[in-house]
């Protein structure tokens, strides 16, 4: 018998809720609109957050540093400097371009 009364109570609550929604159409529509707007704004914030994190990750991986060496420097000093730079944290690649190679790339 308890199940029957619980079912009747649930049926009564459902019918009352539908009748109240029907009576207050404007309030129901406004509530649905506000909830939809909040969900939409929340999704936009999540999308912007994801795009910003992805862009920052890409930018941090693409930083280039160019070091110019005086013309009179010997090869051993250049290799030592190149090795010191390669040993720094976060350095992925080091490349030495001679004066002649740089000129040929520009041409």
PDB file of N, CA and C in Angstrom:
ATOM      1  N   UNK A   1       0.813  -1.194   0.000  1.00  0.00           N
ATOM      2  CA  UNK A   1       0.000   0.000   0.000  1.00  0.00           C
ATOM      3  C   UNK A   1       0.862   1.265   0.000  1.00  0.00           C
ATOM      4  N   UNK A   2       2.067   1.175   0.553  1.00  0.00           N
ATOM      5  CA  UNK A   2       2.956   2.332   0.612  1.00  0.00           C
ATOM      6  C   UNK A   2       3.419   2.713  -0.788  1.00  0.00           C
ATOM      7  N   UNK A   3       3.593   1.709  -1.654  1.00  0.00           N
ATOM      8  CA  UNK A   3       4.006   1.998  -3.014  1.00  0.00           C
ATOM      9  C   UNK A   3       2.915   2.745  -3.770  1.00  0.00           C
ATOM     10  N   UNK A   4       1.668   2.389  -3.538  1.00  0.00           N
ATOM     11  CA  UNK A   4       0.559   3.047  -4.204  1.00  0.00           C
ATOM     12  C   UNK A   4       0.456   4.505  -3.773  1.00  0.00           C
ATOM     13  N   UNK A   5       0.617   4.774  -2.509  1.00  0.00           N
ATOM     14  CA  UNK A   5       0.532   6.156  -2.049  1.00  0.00           C
ATOM     15  C   UNK A   5       1.738   6.967  -2.534  1.00  0.00           C
ATOM     16  N   UNK A   6       2.905   6.345  -2.623  1.00  0.00           N
ATOM     17  CA  UNK A   6       4.080   7.042  -3.156  1.00  0.00           C
ATOM     18  C   UNK A   6       3.863   7.354  -4.624  1.00  0.00           C
ATOM     19  N   UNK A   7       3.295   6.410  -5.363  1.00  0.00           N
ATOM     20  CA  UNK A   7       3.022   6.637  -6.770  1.00  0.00           C
ATOM     21  C   UNK A   7       2.002   7.754  -6.945  1.00  0.00           C
ATOM     22  N   UNK A   8       0.946   7.750  -6.117  1.00  0.00           N
ATOM     23  CA  UNK A   8      -0.071   8.799  -6.187  1.00  0.00           C
ATOM     24  C   UNK A   8       0.526  10.165  -5.841  1.00  0.00           C
ATOM     25  N   UNK A   9       1.405  10.170  -4.848  1.00  0.00           N
ATOM     26  CA  UNK A   9       2.057  11.416  -4.460  1.00  0.00           C
ATOM     27  C   UNK A   9       2.940  11.947  -5.578  1.00  0.00           C
ATOM     28  N   UNK A  10       3.669  11.070  -6.249  1.00  0.00           N
ATOM     29  CA  UNK A  10       4.516  11.458  -7.360  1.00  0.00           C
ATOM     30  C   UNK A  10       3.684  11.952  -8.536  1.00  0.00           C
ATOM     31  N   UNK A  11       2.572  11.277  -8.787  1.00  0.00           N
ATOM     32  CA  UNK A  11       1.673  11.685  -9.869  1.00  0.00           C
ATOM     33  C   UNK A  11       1.064  13.057  -9.583  1.00  0.00           C
ATOM     34  N   UNK A  12       0.687  13.288  -8.362  1.00  0.00           N
ATOM     35  CA  UNK A  12       0.108  14.578  -7.953  1.00  0.00           C
ATOM     36  C   UNK A  12       1.146  15.703  -8.101  1.00  0.00           C
ATOM     37  N   UNK A  13       2.389  15.444  -7.674  1.00  0.00           N
ATOM     38  CA  UNK A  13       3.449  16.455  -7.783  1.00  0.00           C
ATOM     39  C   UNK A  13       3.728  16.771  -9.248  1.00  0.00           C
ATOM     40  N   UNK A  14       3.739  15.754 -10.094  1.00  0.00           N
ATOM     41  CA  UNK A  14       3.987  15.968 -11.514  1.00  0.00           C
ATOM     42  C   UNK A  14       2.870  16.777 -12.152  1.00  0.00           C
ATOM     43  N   UNK A  15       1.627  16.460 -11.849  1.00  0.00           N
ATOM     44  CA  UNK A  15       0.506  17.202 -12.432  1.00  0.00           C
ATOM     45  C   UNK A  15       0.474  18.652 -11.935  1.00  0.00           C
ATOM     46  N   UNK A  16       0.794  18.864 -10.663  1.00  0.00           N
ATOM     47  CA  UNK A  16       0.850  20.237 -10.137  1.00  0.00           C
ATOM     48  C   UNK A  16       1.968  21.045 -10.798  1.00  0.00           C
ATOM     49  N   UNK A  17       3.100  20.413 -11.014  1.00  0.00           N
ATOM     50  CA  UNK A  17       4.219  21.131 -11.644  1.00  0.00           C
ATOM     51  C   UNK A  17       3.868  21.508 -13.076  1.00  0.00           C
ATOM     52  N   UNK A  18       3.231  20.611 -13.815  1.00  0.00           N
ATOM     53  CA  UNK A  18       2.829  20.941 -15.182  1.00  0.00           C
ATOM     54  C   UNK A  18       1.786  22.052 -15.216  1.00  0.00           C
ATOM     55  N   UNK A  19       0.845  22.023 -14.296  1.00  0.00           N
ATOM     56  CA  UNK A  19      -0.180  23.074 -14.282  1.00  0.00           C
ATOM     57  C   UNK A  19       0.432  24.426 -13.893  1.00  0.00           C
ATOM     58  N   UNK A  20       1.405  24.438 -12.978  1.00  0.00           N
ATOM     59  CA  UNK A  20       2.065  25.705 -12.615  1.00  0.00           C
ATOM     60  C   UNK A  20       2.903  26.244 -13.767  1.00  0.00           C
ATOM     61  N   UNK A  21       3.552  25.349 -14.495  1.00  0.00           N
ATOM     62  CA  UNK A  21       4.310  25.797 -15.671  1.00  0.00           C
ATOM     63  C   UNK A  21       3.352  26.383 -16.702  1.00  0.00           C
ATOM     64  N   UNK A  22       2.196  25.765 -16.892  1.00  0.00           N
ATOM     65  CA  UNK A  22       1.234  26.250 -17.867  1.00  0.00           C
ATOM     66  C   UNK A  22       0.657  27.602 -17.443  1.00  0.00           C
ATOM     67  N   UNK A  23       0.409  27.794 -16.144  1.00  0.00           N
ATOM     68  CA  UNK A  23      -0.142  29.055 -15.645  1.00  0.00           C
ATOM     69  C   UNK A  23       0.859  30.202 -15.746  1.00  0.00           C
ATOM     70  N   UNK A  24       2.130  29.923 -15.468  1.00  0.00           N
ATOM     71  CA  UNK A  24       3.160  30.964 -15.474  1.00  0.00           C
ATOM     72  C   UNK A  24       4.073  30.789 -16.685  1.00  0.00           C
ATOM     73  N   UNK A  25       3.491  30.937 -17.870  1.00  0.00           N
ATOM     74  CA  UNK A  25       4.236  30.712 -19.103  1.00  0.00           C
ATOM     75  C   UNK A  25       5.431  31.651 -19.217  1.00  0.00           C
ATOM     76  N   UNK A  26       5.206  32.941 -18.955  1.00  0.00           N
ATOM     77  CA  UNK A  26       6.277  33.920 -19.107  1.00  0.00           C
ATOM     78  C   UNK A  26       7.426  33.615 -18.149  1.00  0.00           C
ATOM     79  N   UNK A  27       7.116  33.301 -16.909  1.00  0.00           N
ATOM     80  CA  UNK A  27       8.146  32.988 -15.920  1.00  0.00           C
ATOM     81  C   UNK A  27       8.902  31.711 -16.310  1.00  0.00           C
ATOM     82  N   UNK A  28       8.216  30.730 -16.824  1.00  0.00           N
ATOM     83  CA  UNK A  28       8.856  29.483 -17.240  1.00  0.00           C
ATOM     84  C   UNK A  28       9.798  29.718 -18.418  1.00  0.00           C
ATOM     85  N   UNK A  29       9.330  30.489 -19.389  1.00  0.00           N
ATOM     86  CA  UNK A  29      10.167  30.796 -20.552  1.00  0.00           C
ATOM     87  C   UNK A  29      11.382  31.606 -20.131  1.00  0.00           C
ATOM     88  N   UNK A  30      11.198  32.584 -19.255  1.00  0.00           N
ATOM     89  CA  UNK A  30      12.314  33.392 -18.775  1.00  0.00           C
ATOM     90  C   UNK A  30      13.328  32.534 -18.017  1.00  0.00           C
ATOM     91  N   UNK A  31      12.858  31.605 -17.215  1.00  0.00           N
ATOM     92  CA  UNK A  31      13.760  30.729 -16.467  1.00  0.00           C
ATOM     93  C   UNK A  31      14.571  29.846 -17.400  1.00  0.00           C
ATOM     94  N   UNK A  32      13.925  29.274 -18.389  1.00  0.00           N
ATOM     95  CA  UNK A  32      14.631  28.433 -19.357  1.00  0.00           C
ATOM     96  C   UNK A  32      15.651  29.268 -20.127  1.00  0.00           C
ATOM     97  N   UNK A  33      15.278  30.492 -20.484  1.00  0.00           N
ATOM     98  CA  UNK A  33      16.199  31.378 -21.207  1.00  0.00           C
ATOM     99  C   UNK A  33      17.417  31.714 -20.352  1.00  0.00           C
ATOM    100  N   UNK A  34      17.226  32.033 -19.087  1.00  0.00           N
ATOM    101  CA  UNK A  34      18.336  32.376 -18.197  1.00  0.00           C
ATOM    102  C   UNK A  34      19.259  31.174 -18.003  1.00  0.00           C
ATOM    103  N   UNK A  35      18.691  30.005 -17.779  1.00  0.00           N
ATOM    104  CA  UNK A  35      19.511  28.801 -17.602  1.00  0.00           C
ATOM    105  C   UNK A  35      20.288  28.496 -18.879  1.00  0.00           C
ATOM    106  N   UNK A  36      19.663  28.613 -20.033  1.00  0.00           N
ATOM    107  CA  UNK A  36      20.346  28.389 -21.307  1.00  0.00           C
ATOM    108  C   UNK A  36      21.474  29.381 -21.530  1.00  0.00           C
ATOM    109  N   UNK A  37      21.240  30.649 -21.176  1.00  0.00           N
ATOM    110  CA  UNK A  37      22.270  31.672 -21.320  1.00  0.00           C
ATOM    111  C   UNK A  37      23.460  31.386 -20.403  1.00  0.00           C
ATOM    112  N   UNK A  38      23.199  30.981 -19.188  1.00  0.00           N
ATOM    113  CA  UNK A  38      24.284  30.653 -18.251  1.00  0.00           C
ATOM    114  C   UNK A  38      25.111  29.478 -18.772  1.00  0.00           C
ATOM    115  N   UNK A  39      24.470  28.458 -19.276  1.00  0.00           N
ATOM    116  CA  UNK A  39      25.194  27.303 -19.826  1.00  0.00           C
ATOM    117  C   UNK A  39      26.006  27.720 -21.041  1.00  0.00           C
ATOM    118  N   UNK A  40      25.443  28.575 -21.896  1.00  0.00           N
ATOM    119  CA  UNK A  40      26.148  29.050 -23.086  1.00  0.00           C
ATOM    120  C   UNK A  40      27.394  29.844 -22.696  1.00  0.00           C
ATOM    121  N   UNK A  41      27.266  30.750 -21.743  1.00  0.00           N
ATOM    122  CA  UNK A  41      28.405  31.554 -21.293  1.00  0.00           C
ATOM    123  C   UNK A  41      29.467  30.659 -20.659  1.00  0.00           C
ATOM    124  N   UNK A  42      29.062  29.691 -19.884  1.00  0.00           N
ATOM    125  CA  UNK A  42      29.998  28.761 -19.263  1.00  0.00           C
ATOM    126  C   UNK A  42      30.791  28.002 -20.325  1.00  0.00           C
ATOM    127  N   UNK A  43      30.114  27.557 -21.387  1.00  0.00           N
ATOM    128  CA  UNK A  43      30.804  26.849 -22.469  1.00  0.00           C
ATOM    129  C   UNK A  43      31.774  27.758 -23.214  1.00  0.00           C
ATOM    130  N   UNK A  44      31.411  29.019 -23.402  1.00  0.00           N
ATOM    131  CA  UNK A  44      32.323  29.962 -24.058  1.00  0.00           C
ATOM    132  C   UNK A  44      33.574  30.155 -23.206  1.00  0.00           C
ATOM    133  N   UNK A  45      33.406  30.299 -21.898  1.00  0.00           N
ATOM    134  CA  UNK A  45      34.562  30.474 -21.006  1.00  0.00           C
ATOM    135  C   UNK A  45      35.464  29.249 -21.063  1.00  0.00           C
ATOM    136  N   UNK A  46      34.894  28.059 -21.063  1.00  0.00           N
ATOM    137  CA  UNK A  46      35.697  26.841 -21.167  1.00  0.00           C
ATOM    138  C   UNK A  46      36.447  26.770 -22.499  1.00  0.00           C
ATOM    139  N   UNK A  47      35.790  27.158 -23.584  1.00  0.00           N
ATOM    140  CA  UNK A  47      36.436  27.123 -24.901  1.00  0.00           C
ATOM    141  C   UNK A  47      37.590  28.120 -24.965  1.00  0.00           C
ATOM    142  N   UNK A  48      37.389  29.326 -24.445  1.00  0.00           N
ATOM    143  CA  UNK A  48      38.455  30.331 -24.440  1.00  0.00           C
ATOM    144  C   UNK A  48      39.620  29.855 -23.583  1.00  0.00           C
ATOM    145  N   UNK A  49      39.332  29.247 -22.452  1.00  0.00           N
ATOM    146  CA  UNK A  49      40.383  28.720 -21.586  1.00  0.00           C
ATOM    147  C   UNK A  49      41.191  27.645 -22.312  1.00  0.00           C
ATOM    148  N   UNK A  50      40.529  26.735 -22.995  1.00  0.00           N
ATOM    149  CA  UNK A  50      41.216  25.677 -23.723  1.00  0.00           C
ATOM    150  C   UNK A  50      42.076  26.244 -24.843  1.00  0.00           C
ATOM    151  N   UNK A  51      41.544  27.199 -25.603  1.00  0.00           N
ATOM    152  CA  UNK A  51      42.290  27.797 -26.709  1.00  0.00           C
ATOM    153  C   UNK A  51      43.495  28.570 -26.189  1.00  0.00           C
ATOM    154  N   UNK A  52      43.330  29.286 -25.089  1.00  0.00           N
ATOM    155  CA  UNK A  52      44.445  30.066 -24.522  1.00  0.00           C
ATOM    156  C   UNK A  52      45.557  29.145 -24.029  1.00  0.00           C
ATOM    157  N   UNK A  53      45.212  28.073 -23.340  1.00  0.00           N
ATOM    158  CA  UNK A  53      46.233  27.134 -22.869  1.00  0.00           C
ATOM    159  C   UNK A  53      46.976  26.510 -24.041  1.00  0.00           C
ATOM    160  N   UNK A  54      46.251  26.143 -25.087  1.00  0.00           N
ATOM    161  CA  UNK A  54      46.869  25.541 -26.258  1.00  0.00           C
ATOM    162  C   UNK A  54      47.798  26.530 -26.957  1.00  0.00           C
ATOM    163  N   UNK A  55      47.369  27.779 -27.071  1.00  0.00           N
ATOM    164  CA  UNK A  55      48.196  28.798 -27.717  1.00  0.00           C
ATOM    165  C   UNK A  55      49.453  29.082 -26.902  1.00  0.00           C
ATOM    166  N   UNK A  56      49.326  29.157 -25.590  1.00  0.00           N
ATOM    167  CA  UNK A  56      50.506  29.390 -24.757  1.00  0.00           C
ATOM    168  C   UNK A  56      51.492  28.233 -24.831  1.00  0.00           C
ATOM    169  N   UNK A  57      50.997  27.027 -24.902  1.00  0.00           N
ATOM    170  CA  UNK A  57      51.879  25.870 -25.045  1.00  0.00           C
ATOM    171  C   UNK A  57      52.631  25.929 -26.368  1.00  0.00           C
ATOM    172  N   UNK A  58      51.929  26.262 -27.450  1.00  0.00           N
ATOM    173  CA  UNK A  58      52.582  26.377 -28.755  1.00  0.00           C
ATOM    174  C   UNK A  58      53.618  27.492 -28.762  1.00  0.00           C
ATOM    175  N   UNK A  59      53.296  28.628 -28.150  1.00  0.00           N
ATOM    176  CA  UNK A  59      54.233  29.740 -28.133  1.00  0.00           C
ATOM    177  C   UNK A  59      55.483  29.427 -27.327  1.00  0.00           C
ATOM    178  N   UNK A  60      55.320  28.731 -26.225  1.00  0.00           N
ATOM    179  CA  UNK A  60      56.480  28.432 -25.390  1.00  0.00           C
ATOM    180  C   UNK A  60      57.435  27.470 -26.083  1.00  0.00           C
ATOM    181  N   UNK A  61      56.946  26.694 -27.027  1.00  0.00           N
ATOM    182  CA  UNK A  61      57.801  25.762 -27.753  1.00  0.00           C
ATOM    183  C   UNK A  61      58.467  26.400 -28.965  1.00  0.00           C
ATOM    184  N   UNK A  62      58.086  27.604 -29.344  1.00  0.00           N
ATOM    185  CA  UNK A  62      58.579  28.203 -30.577  1.00  0.00           C
ATOM    186  C   UNK A  62      59.399  29.466 -30.351  1.00  0.00           C
ATOM    187  N   UNK A  63      60.077  29.577 -29.241  1.00  0.00           N
ATOM    188  CA  UNK A  63      60.891  30.758 -28.970  1.00  0.00           C
ATOM    189  C   UNK A  63      62.261  30.543 -29.582  1.00  0.00           C
ATOM    190  N   UNK A  64      62.708  31.509 -30.377  1.00  0.00           N
ATOM    191  CA  UNK A  64      64.023  31.451 -31.003  1.00  0.00           C
ATOM    192  C   UNK A  64      64.915  32.515 -30.395  1.00  0.00           C
ATOM    193  N   UNK A  65      66.154  32.160 -30.142  1.00  0.00           N
ATOM    194  CA  UNK A  65      67.149  33.095 -29.644  1.00  0.00           C
ATOM    195  C   UNK A  65      68.310  33.070 -30.635  1.00  0.00           C
ATOM    196  N   UNK A  66      68.713  34.240 -31.096  1.00  0.00           N
ATOM    197  CA  UNK A  66      69.827  34.345 -32.033  1.00  0.00           C
ATOM    198  C   UNK A  66      70.976  35.037 -31.320  1.00  0.00           C
ATOM    199  N   UNK A  67      72.151  34.408 -31.386  1.00  0.00           N
ATOM    200  CA  UNK A  67      73.353  34.957 -30.762  1.00  0.00           C
ATOM    201  C   UNK A  67      74.323  35.318 -31.877  1.00  0.00           C
ATOM    202  N   UNK A  68      74.774  36.561 -31.888  1.00  0.00           N
ATOM    203  CA  UNK A  68      75.768  37.007 -32.863  1.00  0.00           C
ATOM    204  C   UNK A  68      77.144  36.973 -32.216  1.00  0.00           C
ATOM    205  N   UNK A  69      78.109  36.438 -32.928  1.00  0.00           N
ATOM    206  CA  UNK A  69      79.468  36.279 -32.409  1.00  0.00           C
ATOM    207  C   UNK A  69      80.393  37.211 -33.185  1.00  0.00           C
ATOM    208  N   UNK A  70      81.347  37.789 -32.468  1.00  0.00           N
ATOM    209  CA  UNK A  70      82.307  38.675 -33.127  1.00  0.00           C
ATOM    210  C   UNK A  70      83.052  37.924 -34.222  1.00  0.00           C
ATOM    211  N   UNK A  71      83.481  38.681 -35.193  1.00  0.00           N
ATOM    212  CA  UNK A  71      84.118  38.083 -36.367  1.00  0.00           C
ATOM    213  C   UNK A  71      85.448  37.414 -36.036  1.00  0.00           C
ATOM    214  N   UNK A  72      86.159  37.884 -35.044  1.00  0.00           N
ATOM    215  CA  UNK A  72      87.471  37.331 -34.735  1.00  0.00           C
ATOM    216  C   UNK A  72      87.449  36.111 -33.840  1.00  0.00           C
ATOM    217  N   UNK A  73      86.277  35.616 -33.443  1.00  0.00           N
ATOM    218  CA  UNK A  73      86.202  34.474 -32.520  1.00  0.00           C
ATOM    219  C   UNK A  73      86.669  33.200 -33.210  1.00  0.00           C
ATOM    220  N   UNK A  74      87.429  32.379 -32.472  1.00  0.00           N
ATOM    221  CA  UNK A  74      87.902  31.130 -33.074  1.00  0.00           C
ATOM    222  C   UNK A  74      86.858  30.027 -32.906  1.00  0.00           C
ATOM    223  N   UNK A  75      87.050  28.950 -33.639  1.00  0.00           N
ATOM    224  CA  UNK A  75      86.074  27.872 -33.706  1.00  0.00           C
ATOM    225  C   UNK A  75      85.866  27.193 -32.358  1.00  0.00           C
ATOM    226  N   UNK A  76      86.925  27.029 -31.569  1.00  0.00           N
ATOM    227  CA  UNK A  76      86.810  26.370 -30.266  1.00  0.00           C
ATOM    228  C   UNK A  76      85.907  27.158 -29.320  1.00  0.00           C
ATOM    229  N   UNK A  77      86.060  28.490 -29.314  1.00  0.00           N
ATOM    230  CA  UNK A  77      85.202  29.327 -28.464  1.00  0.00           C
ATOM    231  C   UNK A  77      83.739  29.260 -28.912  1.00  0.00           C
ATOM    232  N   UNK A  78      83.530  29.218 -30.201  1.00  0.00           N
ATOM    233  CA  UNK A  78      82.163  29.121 -30.731  1.00  0.00           C
ATOM    234  C   UNK A  78      81.532  27.784 -30.326  1.00  0.00           C
ATOM    235  N   UNK A  79      82.278  26.708 -30.439  1.00  0.00           N
ATOM    236  CA  UNK A  79      81.758  25.391 -30.055  1.00  0.00           C
ATOM    237  C   UNK A  79      81.492  25.321 -28.552  1.00  0.00           C
ATOM    238  N   UNK A  80      82.372  25.947 -27.750  1.00  0.00           N
ATOM    239  CA  UNK A  80      82.165  25.969 -26.304  1.00  0.00           C
ATOM    240  C   UNK A  80      80.897  26.744 -25.945  1.00  0.00           C
ATOM    241  N   UNK A  81      80.693  27.883 -26.601  1.00  0.00           N
ATOM    242  CA  UNK A  81      79.479  28.681 -26.383  1.00  0.00           C
ATOM    243  C   UNK A  81      78.242  27.901 -26.810  1.00  0.00           C
ATOM    244  N   UNK A  82      78.336  27.227 -27.940  1.00  0.00           N
ATOM    245  CA  UNK A  82      77.217  26.414 -28.436  1.00  0.00           C
ATOM    246  C   UNK A  82      76.874  25.298 -27.447  1.00  0.00           C
ATOM    247  N   UNK A  83      77.884  24.673 -26.871  1.00  0.00           N
ATOM    248  CA  UNK A  83      77.663  23.612 -25.896  1.00  0.00           C
ATOM    249  C   UNK A  83      77.045  24.161 -24.609  1.00  0.00           C
ATOM    250  N   UNK A  84      77.509  25.346 -24.163  1.00  0.00           N
ATOM    251  CA  UNK A  84      76.941  25.970 -22.963  1.00  0.00           C
ATOM    252  C   UNK A  84      75.465  26.302 -23.159  1.00  0.00           C
ATOM    253  N   UNK A  85      75.140  26.796 -24.326  1.00  0.00           N
ATOM    254  CA  UNK A  85      73.732  27.128 -24.616  1.00  0.00           C
ATOM    255  C   UNK A  85      72.905  25.850 -24.691  1.00  0.00           C
ATOM    256  N   UNK A  86      73.449  24.797 -25.276  1.00  0.00           N
ATOM    257  CA  UNK A  86      72.719  23.530 -25.393  1.00  0.00           C
ATOM    258  C   UNK A  86      72.449  22.913 -24.026  1.00  0.00           C
ATOM    259  N   UNK A  87      73.300  23.192 -23.045  1.00  0.00           N
ATOM    260  CA  UNK A  87      73.124  22.623 -21.715  1.00  0.00           C
ATOM    261  C   UNK A  87      72.098  23.380 -20.866  1.00  0.00           C
ATOM    262  N   UNK A  88      71.624  24.520 -21.343  1.00  0.00           N
ATOM    263  CA  UNK A  88      70.616  25.271 -20.593  1.00  0.00           C
ATOM    264  C   UNK A  88      69.289  24.517 -20.591  1.00  0.00           C
ATOM    265  N   UNK A  89      68.526  24.714 -19.532  1.00  0.00           N
ATOM    266  CA  UNK A  89      67.232  24.039 -19.406  1.00  0.00           C
ATOM    267  C   UNK A  89      66.241  24.608 -20.424  1.00  0.00           C
ATOM    268  N   UNK A  90      65.540  23.746 -21.100  1.00  0.00           N
ATOM    269  CA  UNK A  90      64.519  24.159 -22.053  1.00  0.00           C
ATOM    270  C   UNK A  90      65.025  24.311 -23.476  1.00  0.00           C
ATOM    271  N   UNK A  91      66.326  24.192 -23.700  1.00  0.00           N
ATOM    272  CA  UNK A  91      66.876  24.316 -25.049  1.00  0.00           C
ATOM    273  C   UNK A  91      66.733  22.982 -25.756  1.00  0.00           C
ATOM    274  N   UNK A  92      66.087  23.009 -26.893  1.00  0.00           N
ATOM    275  CA  UNK A  92      65.847  21.781 -27.653  1.00  0.00           C
ATOM    276  C   UNK A  92      66.915  21.589 -28.729  1.00  0.00           C
ATOM    277  N   UNK A  93      67.285  22.686 -29.391  1.00  0.00           N
ATOM    278  CA  UNK A  93      68.204  22.572 -30.518  1.00  0.00           C
ATOM    279  C   UNK A  93      69.122  23.790 -30.562  1.00  0.00           C
ATOM    280  N   UNK A  94      70.369  23.557 -30.885  1.00  0.00           N
ATOM    281  CA  UNK A  94      71.305  24.655 -31.159  1.00  0.00           C
ATOM    282  C   UNK A  94      71.865  24.453 -32.557  1.00  0.00           C
ATOM    283  N   UNK A  95      72.065  25.550 -33.259  1.00  0.00           N
ATOM    284  CA  UNK A  95      72.544  25.470 -34.624  1.00  0.00           C
ATOM    285  C   UNK A  95      73.520  26.612 -34.867  1.00  0.00           C
ATOM    286  N   UNK A  96      74.622  26.319 -35.474  1.00  0.00           N
ATOM    287  CA  UNK A  96      75.618  27.339 -35.795  1.00  0.00           C
ATOM    288  C   UNK A  96      75.550  27.610 -37.292  1.00  0.00           C
ATOM    289  N   UNK A  97      75.410  28.875 -37.637  1.00  0.00           N
ATOM    290  CA  UNK A  97      75.401  29.292 -39.032  1.00  0.00           C
ATOM    291  C   UNK A  97      76.580  30.221 -39.240  1.00  0.00           C
ATOM    292  N   UNK A  98      77.452  29.843 -40.135  1.00  0.00           N
ATOM    293  CA  UNK A  98      78.635  30.673 -40.387  1.00  0.00           C
ATOM    294  C   UNK A  98      78.239  31.922 -41.168  1.00  0.00           C
ATOM    295  N   UNK A  99      79.165  32.839 -41.240  1.00  0.00           N
ATOM    296  CA  UNK A  99      78.930  34.105 -41.935  1.00  0.00           C
ATOM    297  C   UNK A  99      78.619  33.856 -43.413  1.00  0.00           C
ATOM    298  N   UNK A 100      79.336  32.932 -44.020  1.00  0.00           N
ATOM    299  CA  UNK A 100      79.141  32.624 -45.447  1.00  0.00           C
ATOM    300  C   UNK A 100      77.790  31.951 -45.683  1.00  0.00           C
ATOM    301  N   UNK A 101      77.414  31.034 -44.770  1.00  0.00           N
ATOM    302  CA  UNK A 101      76.116  30.358 -44.909  1.00  0.00           C
ATOM    303  C   UNK A 101      74.958  31.342 -44.770  1.00  0.00           C
ATOM    304  N   UNK A 102      75.080  32.264 -43.822  1.00  0.00           N
ATOM    305  CA  UNK A 102      74.037  33.268 -43.623  1.00  0.00           C
ATOM    306  C   UNK A 102      73.897  34.153 -44.841  1.00  0.00           C
ATOM    307  N   UNK A 103      75.016  34.546 -45.433  1.00  0.00           N
ATOM    308  CA  UNK A 103      74.983  35.376 -46.635  1.00  0.00           C
ATOM    309  C   UNK A 103      74.342  34.633 -47.807  1.00  0.00           C
ATOM    310  N   UNK A 104      74.653  33.344 -47.953  1.00  0.00           N
ATOM    311  CA  UNK A 104      74.074  32.572 -49.048  1.00  0.00           C
ATOM    312  C   UNK A 104      72.574  32.368 -48.828  1.00  0.00           C
ATOM    313  N   UNK A 105      72.120  32.245 -47.570  1.00  0.00           N
ATOM    314  CA  UNK A 105      70.680  32.099 -47.306  1.00  0.00           C
ATOM    315  C   UNK A 105      69.926  33.387 -47.640  1.00  0.00           C
ATOM    316  N   UNK A 106      70.557  34.520 -47.374  1.00  0.00           N
ATOM    317  CA  UNK A 106      69.901  35.790 -47.681  1.00  0.00           C
ATOM    318  C   UNK A 106      69.767  35.985 -49.188  1.00  0.00           C
ATOM    319  N   UNK A 107      70.820  35.597 -49.918  1.00  0.00           N
ATOM    320  CA  UNK A 107      70.797  35.732 -51.400  1.00  0.00           C
ATOM    321  C   UNK A 107      69.808  34.756 -51.977  1.00  0.00           C
TER     322      UNK A 107
END
